[in-house]
Amino acid sequence: RSFMSAASLLDKLLERYNVPRNKLTPDETMVIKQRVCDVIKFWINEHSYDLDSLLFTKLRYFLEGSVKKDK
């Protein structure tokens, strides 16, 4: 919170999750995606008060869309 808003952090995490696949191997891509999911899980478990209803909606859309598709 001291250097970035919750909205900016979520945007950066989603950008990182959607890294262009042509620049990395499939294994590297899956490691990045797993780490992003780990950070989001920690954020929700430990600091959910940072997330307002708009961010929760955006996060839910991401989890039900991209993450569910990638399994």
C-alpha atoms as a PDB file:
ATOM      1  CA  ARG A   1       0.000   0.000   0.000  1.00  0.00           C
ATOM      2  CA  SER A   2       2.906   2.345   0.521  1.00  0.00           C
ATOM      3  CA  PHE A   3       4.091   2.215  -3.093  1.00  0.00           C
ATOM      4  CA  MET A   4       1.136   0.951  -5.145  1.00  0.00           C
ATOM      5  CA  SER A   5      -2.629   0.825  -4.919  1.00  0.00           C
ATOM      6  CA  ALA A   6      -4.459  -2.489  -4.693  1.00  0.00           C
ATOM      7  CA  ALA A   7      -5.928  -1.887  -8.154  1.00  0.00           C
ATOM      8  CA  SER A   8      -2.478  -1.315  -9.656  1.00  0.00           C
ATOM      9  CA  LEU A   9      -1.095  -4.423  -7.979  1.00  0.00           C
ATOM     10  CA  LEU A  10      -3.934  -6.560  -9.298  1.00  0.00           C
ATOM     11  CA  ASP A  11      -3.435  -5.149 -12.800  1.00  0.00           C
ATOM     12  CA  LYS A  12       0.293  -5.974 -12.672  1.00  0.00           C
ATOM     13  CA  LEU A  13      -0.398  -9.505 -11.420  1.00  0.00           C
ATOM     14  CA  LEU A  14      -2.884 -10.090 -14.235  1.00  0.00           C
ATOM     15  CA  GLU A  15      -0.382  -8.746 -16.774  1.00  0.00           C
ATOM     16  CA  ARG A  16       2.256 -11.097 -15.418  1.00  0.00           C
ATOM     17  CA  TYR A  17      -0.130 -14.047 -15.548  1.00  0.00           C
ATOM     18  CA  ASN A  18      -0.827 -13.311 -19.207  1.00  0.00           C
ATOM     19  CA  VAL A  19       2.843 -13.123 -20.227  1.00  0.00           C
ATOM     20  CA  PRO A  20       3.285 -13.731 -23.983  1.00  0.00           C
ATOM     21  CA  ARG A  21       3.764 -17.457 -24.476  1.00  0.00           C
ATOM     22  CA  ASN A  22       6.078 -17.102 -27.454  1.00  0.00           C
ATOM     23  CA  LYS A  23       8.831 -15.682 -25.200  1.00  0.00           C
ATOM     24  CA  LEU A  24       8.907 -18.586 -22.727  1.00  0.00           C
ATOM     25  CA  THR A  25       8.760 -22.351 -22.661  1.00  0.00           C
ATOM     26  CA  PRO A  26       5.487 -23.950 -21.549  1.00  0.00           C
ATOM     27  CA  ASP A  27       7.113 -24.987 -18.262  1.00  0.00           C
ATOM     28  CA  GLU A  28       8.314 -21.446 -17.562  1.00  0.00           C
ATOM     29  CA  THR A  29       4.856 -20.103 -18.356  1.00  0.00           C
ATOM     30  CA  MET A  30       3.200 -22.514 -15.929  1.00  0.00           C
ATOM     31  CA  VAL A  31       5.661 -21.600 -13.157  1.00  0.00           C
ATOM     32  CA  ILE A  32       4.856 -17.909 -13.620  1.00  0.00           C
ATOM     33  CA  LYS A  33       1.125 -18.598 -13.596  1.00  0.00           C
ATOM     34  CA  GLN A  34       1.421 -20.724 -10.455  1.00  0.00           C
ATOM     35  CA  ARG A  35       3.408 -18.044  -8.655  1.00  0.00           C
ATOM     36  CA  VAL A  36       0.894 -15.357  -9.576  1.00  0.00           C
ATOM     37  CA  CYS A  37      -1.891 -17.574  -8.229  1.00  0.00           C
ATOM     38  CA  ASP A  38       0.113 -18.137  -5.031  1.00  0.00           C
ATOM     39  CA  VAL A  39       0.493 -14.380  -4.523  1.00  0.00           C
ATOM     40  CA  ILE A  40      -3.220 -13.812  -5.118  1.00  0.00           C
ATOM     41  CA  LYS A  41      -4.112 -16.606  -2.692  1.00  0.00           C
ATOM     42  CA  PHE A  42      -1.839 -15.114  -0.019  1.00  0.00           C
ATOM     43  CA  TRP A  43      -3.272 -11.652  -0.655  1.00  0.00           C
ATOM     44  CA  ILE A  44      -6.842 -12.887  -0.231  1.00  0.00           C
ATOM     45  CA  ASN A  45      -6.035 -14.947   2.875  1.00  0.00           C
ATOM     46  CA  GLU A  46      -3.916 -12.350   4.660  1.00  0.00           C
ATOM     47  CA  HIS A  47      -4.964  -8.927   3.345  1.00  0.00           C
ATOM     48  CA  SER A  48      -8.446  -9.192   1.866  1.00  0.00           C
ATOM     49  CA  TYR A  49      -9.324  -5.831   3.427  1.00  0.00           C
ATOM     50  CA  ASP A  50      -7.293  -4.253   0.566  1.00  0.00           C
ATOM     51  CA  LEU A  51      -9.817  -5.496  -1.981  1.00  0.00           C
ATOM     52  CA  ASP A  52     -13.010  -3.551  -2.537  1.00  0.00           C
ATOM     53  CA  SER A  53     -16.062  -4.938  -4.327  1.00  0.00           C
ATOM     54  CA  LEU A  54     -14.848  -3.798  -7.762  1.00  0.00           C
ATOM     55  CA  LEU A  55     -11.489  -5.547  -7.304  1.00  0.00           C
ATOM     56  CA  PHE A  56     -13.186  -8.682  -5.972  1.00  0.00           C
ATOM     57  CA  THR A  57     -15.383  -8.725  -9.079  1.00  0.00           C
ATOM     58  CA  LYS A  58     -12.365  -8.293 -11.349  1.00  0.00           C
ATOM     59  CA  LEU A  59     -10.506 -11.007  -9.463  1.00  0.00           C
ATOM     60  CA  ARG A  60     -13.455 -13.397  -9.610  1.00  0.00           C
ATOM     61  CA  TYR A  61     -13.782 -12.833 -13.362  1.00  0.00           C
ATOM     62  CA  PHE A  62     -10.071 -13.597 -13.762  1.00  0.00           C
ATOM     63  CA  LEU A  63     -10.231 -16.748 -11.618  1.00  0.00           C
ATOM     64  CA  GLU A  64     -13.367 -18.093 -13.286  1.00  0.00           C
ATOM     65  CA  GLY A  65     -12.027 -17.259 -16.735  1.00  0.00           C
ATOM     66  CA  SER A  66      -8.286 -17.453 -17.306  1.00  0.00           C
ATOM     67  CA  VAL A  67      -7.280 -19.578 -14.324  1.00  0.00           C
ATOM     68  CA  LYS A  68     -10.121 -22.056 -14.710  1.00  0.00           C
ATOM     69  CA  LYS A  69      -9.302 -22.405 -18.421  1.00  0.00           C
ATOM     70  CA  ASP A  70      -5.621 -23.058 -17.647  1.00  0.00           C
ATOM     71  CA  LYS A  71      -6.466 -25.407 -14.766  1.00  0.00           C
END
